[in-house]
Protein backbone atom coordinates (compact mmCIF):
# COMPACT_ATOMS: atom_id res chain seq x y z
CA MET A 1 -16.45 14.57 -14.74
CA THR A 2 -19.78 12.72 -14.78
CA ASP A 3 -18.01 9.35 -14.59
CA SER A 4 -15.63 10.42 -11.82
CA LEU A 5 -15.37 8.69 -8.50
CA VAL A 6 -17.28 10.84 -6.00
CA LEU A 7 -15.46 11.32 -2.71
CA ARG A 8 -17.91 11.56 0.18
CA PRO A 9 -15.79 12.92 3.04
CA GLY A 10 -15.73 10.54 5.98
CA ALA A 11 -17.31 7.68 4.03
CA VAL A 12 -14.79 6.60 1.37
CA SER A 13 -14.28 2.84 1.04
CA LEU A 14 -10.95 1.07 0.64
CA ALA A 15 -12.07 0.03 -2.83
CA GLN A 16 -12.50 3.70 -3.74
CA TRP A 17 -9.10 4.65 -2.31
CA ARG A 18 -7.63 1.79 -4.35
CA ALA A 19 -9.29 3.21 -7.46
CA VAL A 20 -7.75 6.63 -6.77
CA TYR A 21 -4.34 4.98 -6.39
CA ARG A 22 -4.86 3.23 -9.72
CA GLY A 23 -5.68 6.53 -11.45
CA ALA A 24 -9.46 7.03 -11.23
CA ALA A 25 -10.79 10.53 -11.80
CA VAL A 26 -12.04 12.15 -8.60
CA ARG A 27 -14.49 14.86 -7.60
CA LEU A 28 -15.86 15.94 -4.25
CA ASP A 29 -19.43 15.40 -3.20
CA PRO A 30 -20.96 18.91 -3.49
CA ALA A 31 -22.84 18.28 -0.26
CA CYS A 32 -19.65 19.07 1.67
CA HIS A 33 -19.40 22.68 0.47
CA GLU A 34 -21.71 24.16 3.10
CA ALA A 35 -19.73 22.68 6.00
CA VAL A 36 -16.47 23.95 4.51
CA ALA A 37 -17.85 27.48 4.15
CA ARG A 38 -19.13 27.48 7.75
CA SER A 39 -15.74 26.34 8.99
CA ALA A 40 -13.96 29.20 7.19
CA GLN A 41 -16.49 31.66 8.61
CA THR A 42 -15.82 30.36 12.11
CA VAL A 43 -12.09 30.99 11.70
CA GLN A 44 -12.77 34.53 10.55
CA ALA A 45 -15.00 35.08 13.56
CA ILE A 46 -12.19 33.93 15.85
CA VAL A 47 -9.80 36.35 14.15
CA ASP A 48 -12.32 39.16 14.63
CA THR A 49 -12.45 38.57 18.39
CA GLY A 50 -8.71 39.16 18.71
CA ALA A 51 -8.30 36.31 21.22
CA PRO A 52 -5.07 34.31 20.69
CA VAL A 53 -5.82 30.86 19.22
CA TYR A 54 -3.07 28.44 18.27
CA GLY A 55 -2.42 28.18 14.56
CA ILE A 56 -4.72 31.06 13.70
CA ASN A 57 -3.00 34.10 15.15
CA THR A 58 -0.02 32.60 17.00
CA GLY A 59 3.29 31.09 16.06
CA PHE A 60 3.69 27.33 15.71
CA GLY A 61 5.14 24.56 17.83
CA LYS A 62 7.52 25.97 20.42
CA LEU A 63 6.64 29.46 19.14
CA ALA A 64 2.96 29.12 20.03
CA THR A 65 3.27 31.85 22.65
CA VAL A 66 4.12 34.49 20.04
CA ARG A 67 1.03 36.56 19.12
CA ILE A 68 0.74 37.50 15.43
CA ALA A 69 -0.91 40.75 14.34
CA ASP A 70 -3.94 40.54 12.06
CA ALA A 71 -2.07 42.30 9.27
CA ASP A 72 0.52 39.50 9.26
CA LEU A 73 -1.81 36.49 9.28
CA ALA A 74 -1.53 35.80 5.55
CA THR A 75 2.26 36.12 5.77
CA LEU A 76 2.25 33.74 8.74
CA GLN A 77 0.49 31.06 6.72
CA ARG A 78 2.73 31.53 3.70
CA ASN A 79 5.84 31.42 5.90
CA ILE A 80 4.90 28.15 7.53
CA VAL A 81 4.53 26.52 4.13
CA LEU A 82 7.86 27.84 2.87
CA SER A 83 9.83 27.10 6.04
CA HIS A 84 8.41 23.61 6.47
CA ALA A 85 9.06 22.56 2.85
CA ALA A 86 12.33 20.96 3.94
CA GLY A 87 12.07 17.45 2.54
CA VAL A 88 14.90 15.56 0.86
CA GLY A 89 15.26 12.45 -1.26
CA GLU A 90 13.63 11.14 -4.41
CA PRO A 91 10.19 12.41 -5.47
CA MET A 92 7.21 10.43 -4.27
CA PRO A 93 5.76 8.09 -6.92
CA ALA A 94 2.94 9.75 -8.84
CA PRO A 95 0.21 7.26 -7.79
CA VAL A 96 1.04 7.84 -4.12
CA VAL A 97 1.00 11.63 -4.60
CA ARG A 98 -2.46 11.37 -6.17
CA LEU A 99 -3.65 9.32 -3.23
CA MET A 100 -2.17 11.82 -0.77
CA LEU A 101 -3.93 14.73 -2.51
CA ALA A 102 -7.23 12.87 -2.41
CA LEU A 103 -6.80 12.01 1.27
CA LYS A 104 -6.07 15.64 2.12
CA LEU A 105 -9.01 16.80 0.01
CA ALA A 106 -11.42 14.46 1.78
CA SER A 107 -10.09 15.45 5.19
CA LEU A 108 -10.37 19.20 4.63
CA ALA A 109 -13.82 18.78 3.08
CA GLN A 110 -15.27 17.56 6.39
CA GLY A 111 -15.47 21.17 7.52
CA ALA A 112 -13.33 20.93 10.64
CA SER A 113 -10.14 22.53 9.28
CA GLY A 114 -11.12 26.12 8.53
CA VAL A 115 -9.98 26.29 4.90
CA GLN A 116 -11.69 28.54 2.41
CA PRO A 117 -13.87 26.97 -0.31
CA ALA A 118 -11.55 28.42 -2.98
CA THR A 119 -8.53 26.68 -1.47
CA LEU A 120 -10.37 23.37 -1.42
CA ALA A 121 -11.47 23.93 -5.02
CA LEU A 122 -7.85 24.44 -6.11
CA LEU A 123 -6.77 21.19 -4.47
CA GLU A 124 -9.64 19.37 -6.16
CA ALA A 125 -8.76 20.90 -9.53
CA MET A 126 -5.10 19.93 -9.18
CA LEU A 127 -6.17 16.34 -8.59
CA GLN A 128 -8.59 16.37 -11.51
CA ARG A 129 -6.09 17.90 -13.94
CA ASP A 130 -3.19 15.79 -12.68
CA VAL A 131 -1.01 18.64 -11.43
CA LEU A 132 1.11 16.55 -9.07
CA PRO A 133 3.44 18.35 -6.67
CA LEU A 134 7.04 17.19 -6.54
CA VAL A 135 7.26 15.91 -2.98
CA PRO A 136 10.63 14.68 -1.67
CA CYS A 137 9.97 11.39 0.09
CA GLN A 138 12.08 11.91 3.23
CA GLY A 139 11.66 14.28 6.14
CA SER A 140 8.62 13.24 8.15
CA VAL A 141 8.69 11.64 11.62
CA GLY A 142 4.93 11.17 11.68
CA ALA A 143 4.11 14.05 14.09
CA SER A 144 3.04 16.86 14.11
CA GLY A 145 1.70 15.24 11.07
CA ASP A 146 3.70 14.77 7.87
CA LEU A 147 4.85 18.37 7.92
CA ALA A 148 7.67 18.46 5.35
CA PRO A 149 6.00 16.35 2.62
CA LEU A 150 2.65 18.10 2.96
CA SER A 151 4.41 21.48 2.90
CA HIS A 152 5.80 20.64 -0.53
CA MET A 153 2.24 19.90 -1.62
CA ALA A 154 0.99 23.19 -0.16
CA ALA A 155 3.89 25.11 -1.71
CA VAL A 156 2.67 24.21 -5.19
CA MET A 157 -0.76 25.56 -4.30
CA ILE A 158 0.76 28.99 -3.60
CA GLY A 159 2.86 28.84 -6.77
CA THR A 160 6.19 27.80 -5.23
CA GLY A 161 8.27 24.67 -5.67
CA GLU A 162 7.89 22.19 -8.51
CA ALA A 163 5.19 19.97 -9.96
CA PHE A 164 4.70 17.39 -12.67
CA PHE A 165 2.18 18.14 -15.40
CA GLU A 166 1.66 16.26 -18.68
CA GLY A 167 4.88 14.34 -18.18
CA GLN A 168 7.03 17.40 -17.51
CA ARG A 169 8.72 18.59 -14.33
CA LEU A 170 7.98 22.30 -14.10
CA PRO A 171 8.11 25.24 -11.71
CA ALA A 172 4.86 25.17 -9.74
CA SER A 173 3.60 28.44 -11.20
CA ASP A 174 4.13 27.15 -14.75
CA ALA A 175 2.42 23.82 -14.02
CA LEU A 176 -0.61 25.58 -12.57
CA ALA A 177 -0.78 28.03 -15.46
CA ARG A 178 -0.61 25.28 -18.08
CA ALA A 179 -3.47 23.53 -16.30
CA GLY A 180 -5.49 26.74 -16.30
CA LEU A 181 -5.19 27.23 -12.55
CA VAL A 182 -4.20 30.19 -10.40
CA PRO A 183 -2.20 29.94 -7.14
CA CYS A 184 -4.14 30.69 -3.98
CA VAL A 185 -3.44 33.20 -1.22
CA LEU A 186 -3.73 31.46 2.12
CA GLY A 187 -5.92 32.93 4.82
CA ALA A 188 -5.81 32.42 8.57
CA LYS A 189 -5.08 28.80 9.56
CA GLU A 190 -5.05 27.53 5.97
CA GLY A 191 -1.33 26.86 5.69
CA LEU A 192 -1.35 24.88 8.91
CA ALA A 193 -4.43 22.93 7.81
CA LEU A 194 -2.74 21.92 4.57
CA LEU A 195 0.57 20.76 5.99
CA ASN A 196 -0.69 19.25 9.23
CA GLY A 197 -2.07 15.70 9.18
CA THR A 198 -1.20 12.09 8.37
CA GLN A 199 -2.04 12.02 4.67
CA TYR A 200 1.53 11.33 3.48
CA SER A 201 1.99 8.36 5.79
CA THR A 202 -1.52 7.09 5.16
CA ALA A 203 -1.11 7.33 1.38
CA TYR A 204 2.06 5.25 1.48
CA ALA A 205 0.51 2.74 3.88
CA LEU A 206 -2.58 2.34 1.70
CA ALA A 207 -0.45 1.95 -1.42
CA GLY A 208 1.54 -0.71 0.40
CA LEU A 209 -1.65 -2.48 1.45
CA PHE A 210 -2.99 -2.54 -2.10
CA GLU A 211 0.24 -3.94 -3.55
CA ILE A 212 0.60 -6.50 -0.76
CA GLN A 213 -2.98 -7.71 -1.29
CA THR A 214 -2.11 -8.48 -4.92
CA VAL A 215 1.09 -10.31 -3.98
CA PHE A 216 -0.78 -12.26 -1.31
CA GLN A 217 -3.33 -13.57 -3.76
CA ALA A 218 -0.66 -14.51 -6.29
CA ALA A 219 1.23 -16.35 -3.55
CA LEU A 220 -1.84 -18.48 -2.84
CA VAL A 221 -1.82 -19.53 -6.48
CA THR A 222 1.91 -20.24 -6.65
CA GLY A 223 1.73 -22.05 -3.30
CA ALA A 224 -0.90 -24.40 -4.68
CA LEU A 225 1.14 -24.87 -7.86
CA SER A 226 4.25 -25.68 -5.83
CA THR A 227 2.26 -28.25 -3.86
CA GLU A 228 1.36 -29.88 -7.15
CA ALA A 229 4.94 -29.74 -8.44
CA ALA A 230 6.17 -31.50 -5.27
CA LYS A 231 3.26 -33.97 -5.35
CA GLY A 232 2.22 -32.66 -1.99
CA SER A 233 -0.96 -33.60 -0.21
CA ASP A 234 -4.14 -31.57 0.01
CA THR A 235 -5.10 -33.34 3.25
CA PRO A 236 -3.63 -30.49 5.37
CA PHE A 237 -6.22 -28.22 3.72
CA ASP A 238 -9.16 -30.31 4.98
CA PRO A 239 -11.72 -27.87 6.44
CA ARG A 240 -12.21 -29.98 9.57
CA ILE A 241 -8.63 -29.26 10.66
CA HIS A 242 -9.06 -25.51 10.41
CA ALA A 243 -12.53 -25.36 11.91
CA LEU A 244 -11.12 -26.80 15.12
CA ARG A 245 -8.70 -23.88 15.43
CA GLY A 246 -11.17 -21.26 14.29
CA GLN A 247 -8.77 -18.64 12.89
CA PRO A 248 -10.74 -16.95 10.07
CA GLY A 249 -7.80 -16.22 7.79
CA GLN A 250 -6.53 -19.78 8.12
CA ILE A 251 -9.95 -21.16 7.21
CA ALA A 252 -10.20 -18.86 4.17
CA VAL A 253 -6.73 -19.77 2.90
CA ALA A 254 -7.32 -23.52 3.33
CA ASP A 255 -10.57 -23.19 1.40
CA ALA A 256 -8.78 -21.34 -1.40
CA LEU A 257 -5.90 -23.84 -1.66
CA ARG A 258 -8.27 -26.78 -1.66
CA ALA A 259 -10.35 -25.17 -4.40
CA LEU A 260 -7.26 -24.32 -6.45
CA MET A 261 -6.20 -27.98 -6.47
CA ALA A 262 -9.66 -29.46 -6.99
CA GLY A 263 -9.79 -31.91 -9.88
CA SER A 264 -6.03 -32.27 -10.26
CA ALA A 265 -4.84 -35.42 -12.01
CA ILE A 266 -1.40 -34.88 -10.49
CA ARG A 267 -2.92 -35.06 -7.02
CA GLU A 268 -4.98 -38.14 -7.86
CA SER A 269 -1.89 -39.95 -9.20
CA HIS A 270 -0.33 -40.22 -5.74
CA ARG A 271 -3.36 -40.13 -3.44
CA GLU A 272 -3.26 -43.85 -2.62
CA ASN A 273 0.48 -44.46 -2.48
CA ASP A 274 2.07 -41.38 -0.92
CA VAL A 275 5.53 -42.28 0.35
CA ARG A 276 5.74 -39.12 2.46
CA VAL A 277 3.74 -39.20 5.67
CA GLN A 278 3.88 -35.41 5.98
CA ASP A 279 4.93 -32.56 3.71
CA PRO A 280 7.40 -29.84 4.73
CA TYR A 281 5.89 -26.90 6.59
CA CYS A 282 6.21 -24.64 3.56
CA LEU A 283 3.50 -26.77 1.93
CA ARG A 284 1.59 -28.18 4.88
CA CYS A 285 1.36 -24.99 6.94
CA GLN A 286 0.33 -22.59 4.18
CA PRO A 287 -3.11 -22.02 5.75
CA GLN A 288 -1.57 -21.25 9.11
CA VAL A 289 1.10 -18.85 7.79
CA MET A 290 -0.80 -17.18 4.96
CA GLY A 291 -4.01 -17.15 7.00
CA ALA A 292 -2.26 -15.30 9.82
CA ALA A 293 -0.91 -12.82 7.26
CA LEU A 294 -4.44 -12.34 5.91
CA ASP A 295 -5.80 -11.59 9.37
CA VAL A 296 -2.99 -9.11 10.08
CA MET A 297 -3.62 -7.42 6.73
CA GLY A 298 -7.29 -7.19 7.63
CA ALA A 299 -6.55 -5.50 10.94
CA ALA A 300 -4.20 -3.03 9.25
CA ALA A 301 -6.77 -2.33 6.54
CA ARG A 302 -9.45 -1.51 9.10
CA THR A 303 -7.14 0.96 10.84
CA LEU A 304 -6.15 2.62 7.57
CA GLU A 305 -9.75 2.90 6.35
CA ILE A 306 -10.67 4.72 9.55
CA GLU A 307 -7.61 6.97 9.30
CA ALA A 308 -8.28 7.78 5.64
CA ASN A 309 -11.76 8.96 6.59
CA GLY A 310 -10.68 10.99 9.60
CA VAL A 311 -9.52 14.55 10.22
CA SER A 312 -5.97 14.78 11.49
CA ASP A 313 -4.85 18.41 11.34
CA ASN A 314 -4.72 20.82 14.28
CA PRO A 315 -6.37 22.82 15.71
CA LEU A 316 -9.84 21.60 14.75
CA VAL A 317 -12.72 23.97 14.15
CA PHE A 318 -16.13 23.28 15.68
CA THR A 319 -18.71 25.46 13.99
CA ASP A 320 -21.51 24.67 16.42
CA THR A 321 -19.67 26.34 19.31
CA GLY A 322 -17.36 28.64 17.37
CA GLU A 323 -14.28 27.05 18.92
CA ALA A 324 -10.90 25.96 17.57
CA LEU A 325 -9.60 23.20 19.84
CA SER A 326 -5.95 22.19 19.87
CA GLY A 327 -5.24 18.48 20.24
CA GLY A 328 -3.03 15.81 18.74
CA ASN A 329 -4.85 14.05 15.90
CA PHE A 330 -1.77 14.59 13.75
CA HIS A 331 0.14 11.94 15.73
CA ALA A 332 0.30 9.01 13.32
CA GLU A 333 0.71 6.15 15.79
CA PRO A 334 -2.27 4.19 14.33
CA VAL A 335 -0.71 4.41 10.87
CA ALA A 336 2.69 3.39 12.23
CA PHE A 337 1.26 0.28 13.87
CA ALA A 338 -0.69 -0.61 10.71
CA ALA A 339 2.42 -0.20 8.57
CA ASP A 340 4.42 -2.42 10.91
CA MET A 341 1.74 -5.09 10.67
CA LEU A 342 1.81 -4.95 6.88
CA ALA A 343 5.61 -5.14 6.87
CA MET A 344 5.51 -8.32 8.93
CA ALA A 345 2.81 -9.82 6.72
CA VAL A 346 4.58 -9.18 3.42
CA CYS A 347 7.86 -10.40 4.89
CA GLU A 348 6.26 -13.74 5.76
CA ILE A 349 4.48 -14.04 2.41
CA GLY A 350 7.86 -13.84 0.67
CA SER A 351 9.62 -15.98 3.27
CA ILE A 352 7.39 -19.05 2.94
CA SER A 353 7.37 -18.65 -0.84
CA GLU A 354 11.18 -18.76 -0.91
CA ARG A 355 11.12 -21.92 1.22
CA ARG A 356 8.92 -23.58 -1.38
CA ILE A 357 11.38 -22.59 -4.11
CA ALA A 358 14.24 -24.03 -2.06
CA MET A 359 12.27 -27.23 -1.54
CA LEU A 360 11.53 -27.60 -5.26
CA VAL A 361 15.17 -27.23 -6.37
CA ASP A 362 16.36 -29.82 -3.81
CA PRO A 363 15.87 -33.33 -5.24
CA ALA A 364 16.03 -34.88 -1.78
CA LEU A 365 12.93 -32.94 -0.75
CA SER A 366 10.98 -32.61 -3.99
CA GLY A 367 11.75 -35.82 -5.85
CA LEU A 368 12.33 -33.65 -8.92
CA PRO A 369 15.55 -33.27 -10.94
CA ALA A 370 18.18 -31.18 -9.18
CA PHE A 371 17.55 -27.45 -9.66
CA LEU A 372 14.60 -28.29 -11.89
CA THR A 373 16.69 -28.86 -15.01
CA PRO A 374 16.49 -32.01 -17.16
CA ARG A 375 20.31 -32.17 -17.37
CA PRO A 376 21.78 -30.99 -14.04
CA GLY A 377 25.49 -30.44 -14.02
CA LEU A 378 25.77 -29.20 -17.55
CA ASN A 379 22.92 -26.85 -16.65
CA SER A 380 22.41 -24.94 -13.41
CA GLY A 381 18.68 -24.48 -13.90
CA PHE A 382 17.00 -22.67 -11.00
CA MET A 383 20.07 -22.60 -8.77
CA ILE A 384 20.62 -18.85 -8.78
CA PRO A 385 16.99 -17.68 -9.01
CA GLN A 386 16.58 -19.37 -5.62
CA VAL A 387 19.60 -17.43 -4.37
CA THR A 388 18.01 -14.21 -5.61
CA ALA A 389 14.79 -15.10 -3.81
CA ALA A 390 16.77 -15.73 -0.62
CA ALA A 391 18.49 -12.35 -0.96
CA LEU A 392 15.17 -10.54 -1.38
CA VAL A 393 13.64 -12.32 1.62
CA SER A 394 16.60 -11.37 3.80
CA GLU A 395 16.31 -7.77 2.65
CA ASN A 396 12.66 -7.77 3.66
CA LYS A 397 13.51 -9.29 7.03
CA GLN A 398 15.91 -6.43 7.66
CA ARG A 399 13.22 -3.92 6.72
CA ALA A 400 10.49 -5.58 8.79
CA MET A 401 11.75 -4.33 12.15
CA PRO A 402 8.92 -2.25 13.66
CA ALA A 403 9.31 1.46 12.96
CA SER A 404 6.70 2.42 15.56
CA VAL A 405 8.97 1.53 18.48
CA ASP A 406 11.37 4.31 17.49
CA SER A 407 11.00 7.94 18.50
CA ILE A 408 13.21 11.02 18.50
CA PRO A 409 12.26 14.42 19.99
CA THR A 410 11.83 17.34 17.59
CA SER A 411 10.87 21.03 17.67
CA ALA A 412 12.92 21.93 20.76
CA ASN A 413 11.35 19.00 22.63
CA GLN A 414 7.81 20.28 22.11
CA GLU A 415 7.17 17.24 19.92
CA ASP A 416 8.88 14.83 22.28
CA HIS A 417 7.31 11.57 21.09
CA VAL A 418 6.79 10.83 17.42
CA SER A 419 5.38 7.85 15.52
CA MET A 420 7.83 7.24 12.66
CA ALA A 421 4.78 6.30 10.58
CA ALA A 422 6.38 7.78 7.47
CA HIS A 423 9.35 5.42 7.76
CA GLY A 424 7.08 2.46 8.43
CA ALA A 425 4.80 3.19 5.50
CA ARG A 426 7.37 4.26 2.91
CA ARG A 427 9.25 0.93 3.00
CA LEU A 428 6.13 -1.09 2.13
CA LEU A 429 6.19 -0.54 -1.63
CA ASP A 430 9.79 -1.77 -1.88
CA MET A 431 8.99 -4.72 0.37
CA ALA A 432 5.95 -5.60 -1.76
CA ARG A 433 8.11 -5.39 -4.88
CA ASN A 434 10.67 -7.73 -3.32
CA ALA A 435 7.97 -10.21 -2.35
CA ALA A 436 6.46 -10.02 -5.85
CA ASN A 437 9.81 -10.96 -7.33
CA VAL A 438 10.07 -13.93 -4.97
CA VAL A 439 6.57 -15.11 -5.85
CA GLY A 440 7.38 -14.60 -9.55
CA ILE A 441 10.39 -16.91 -9.18
CA GLU A 442 8.17 -19.43 -7.43
CA LEU A 443 5.73 -19.25 -10.33
CA LEU A 444 8.52 -20.19 -12.73
CA ALA A 445 9.85 -22.96 -10.49
CA ALA A 446 6.45 -24.46 -9.72
CA ALA A 447 5.41 -24.46 -13.38
CA GLN A 448 8.72 -26.10 -14.30
CA GLY A 449 8.18 -28.73 -11.62
CA CYS A 450 4.72 -29.53 -12.94
CA ASP A 451 6.18 -29.91 -16.44
CA PHE A 452 8.06 -32.99 -15.21
CA HIS A 453 4.73 -34.67 -14.39
CA ALA A 454 3.45 -34.55 -18.00
CA PRO A 455 1.16 -35.88 -19.35
CA LEU A 456 -0.58 -35.52 -15.97
CA ALA A 457 -2.29 -32.17 -15.58
CA SER A 458 -3.17 -30.11 -12.55
CA SER A 459 -6.57 -28.57 -11.86
CA ALA A 460 -8.33 -26.40 -14.41
CA ALA A 461 -7.54 -23.30 -12.36
CA LEU A 462 -3.82 -24.03 -12.06
CA GLU A 463 -3.53 -25.18 -15.67
CA SER A 464 -4.95 -21.81 -16.72
CA VAL A 465 -2.14 -20.17 -14.76
CA ARG A 466 0.47 -22.40 -16.36
CA ALA A 467 -0.94 -21.66 -19.81
CA LEU A 468 -0.73 -17.93 -19.08
CA LEU A 469 2.93 -18.26 -18.14
CA ARG A 470 3.84 -20.65 -20.95
CA ALA A 471 2.39 -18.26 -23.52
CA GLN A 472 5.37 -16.02 -22.70
CA VAL A 473 7.95 -18.24 -21.02
CA PRO A 474 8.68 -21.71 -22.44
CA THR A 475 9.75 -24.66 -20.32
CA LEU A 476 13.43 -24.47 -19.37
CA GLN A 477 15.15 -27.28 -21.29
CA GLU A 478 18.67 -25.81 -21.35
CA ASP A 479 20.18 -22.88 -19.49
CA ARG A 480 19.33 -19.52 -21.05
CA TYR A 481 19.50 -15.87 -20.07
CA PHE A 482 17.20 -16.08 -17.06
CA HIS A 483 16.43 -12.47 -16.20
CA PRO A 484 13.73 -11.84 -18.87
CA ASP A 485 11.77 -14.86 -17.65
CA MET A 486 11.79 -13.44 -14.13
CA VAL A 487 10.63 -10.04 -15.34
CA VAL A 488 7.66 -11.61 -17.13
CA ALA A 489 6.69 -13.77 -14.16
CA THR A 490 6.94 -10.91 -11.68
CA GLU A 491 4.76 -8.71 -13.86
CA LEU A 492 2.14 -11.48 -13.95
CA VAL A 493 2.21 -11.39 -10.15
CA ARG A 494 2.16 -7.61 -9.70
CA GLY A 495 -0.43 -6.96 -12.38
CA GLY A 496 -2.95 -9.40 -10.93
CA ALA A 497 -2.89 -11.64 -14.01
CA LEU A 498 -2.60 -14.86 -11.98
CA VAL A 499 -5.77 -14.07 -10.11
CA GLY A 500 -7.42 -13.17 -13.40
CA ALA A 501 -6.41 -16.49 -14.94
CA VAL A 502 -7.90 -18.37 -11.99
CA GLY A 503 -11.10 -16.34 -12.22
CA ALA A 504 -11.36 -17.02 -15.95
CA VAL A 505 -12.02 -20.71 -15.21
CA GLY A 506 -15.64 -19.75 -14.63
CA ALA A 507 -18.24 -19.39 -11.93
CA ASP A 508 -17.14 -22.65 -10.33
CA GLY A 509 -13.53 -21.52 -10.09
CA PRO A 510 -11.96 -20.85 -6.69
CA GLY A 511 -12.37 -17.51 -5.00
CA LEU A 512 -9.27 -15.97 -3.49
CA PRO A 513 -9.41 -14.04 -0.21
CA GLY A 514 -7.65 -10.74 0.15
CA ALA A 515 -9.03 -8.78 -2.80
CA GLY A 516 -11.61 -6.59 -1.14
CA GLY A 517 -11.35 -4.22 1.76
CA LEU A 518 -10.37 -7.03 4.11
CA VAL A 519 -12.96 -5.78 6.58
């Protein structure tokens, strides 16, 4: 594990969380062990006093007034895990489960949750050996934390439920045994600490952020390529325009688009005799639309980075005073708002991309052959890929309604206002996938449009992107089975290959905003 990513509780960067999501090996900073041990000792001291403290020796939720005898404390913690493991739906994707485990590990390791060192060690070992609990993806309302999903995680730790190990779906006890691990016996407060918190919602929201960042960058590239295909102007990207408004994302996007088109022979061919006074908004207003999306993504990223480094279970243990204080850090409203922001951003990224596709296939707007085919009529060309893009954009519009404005009381009205962060976060991966497909279709359409301008070439950066595509997808001369072309293009978008092709131009190539932590 010498080359593992070291999680330093409370100080993990977005880049490190992204690495965990992508499969990086993880280990905890050993410096956290002392605080964890002190926290567990504080819980035991509270038990020894006999005073009732929520979550330690009482029932839960509406049953908090029920005092639990010391002899039943271990049973209490086991029961809460079993009873709360009530999720339904498809299993969470493995990369999101890994991220959730790492988020929970880092939270518990801050020494405010009262778990035993051995319990923390088991969670760390499961992450290192890729024992991934089977977690049904539905059942959380985002308060009191993501109870049902995290209970399925905790159930595996006590040898119950199911898990994936080495590509197999197994009973939890078998998965642990094959990985050389032994189920734990939960002590006072430990079950509640494991299943309370926002780690499910935060994992999905972070995964959505990471995928949307990639789509955003690809959409900058395809937007520039579409501008070239339509012989659009780069004047709207002049830095003086954007400096007067001052919006940072807008300035960054204009800089990127201008750099992407720098040195284009296609642009130079119509610089002096443009017949269009102004381009359609889908070309001209890219800095304003994509820049606003970048700023919103940045705000969401800042919220999620803070949440990922926080402690959100309840009650919280303060070793300096020997207290366990009950509060509401499990309420996932910050995550819900961040997820809603990301949903709006990815919806708009796909929406303006689809408008560029629609513009390119319309000869009245683009000046190109109808539906981007050399022989329209006999061939339909890009007619239906544009329809597919429109369908995906409309689906994303339907999904973009804020989830955070919804609430429904639970737990006999004890939990009378909830965040719906789980709903808001879980949709993001599907929305990002939809947007990636739209941008992939734009990549095909924009490259096809530029083909009609031969022998004129675009900039070095955009020609590297076209070469990447053309190595796998030839120019569309006659109608052919279209779906495989779309699969290839979308994978180039989702895998980050477009950004890589731009970066391969060299040190003087354009930089693209949106790759880092956005902070």
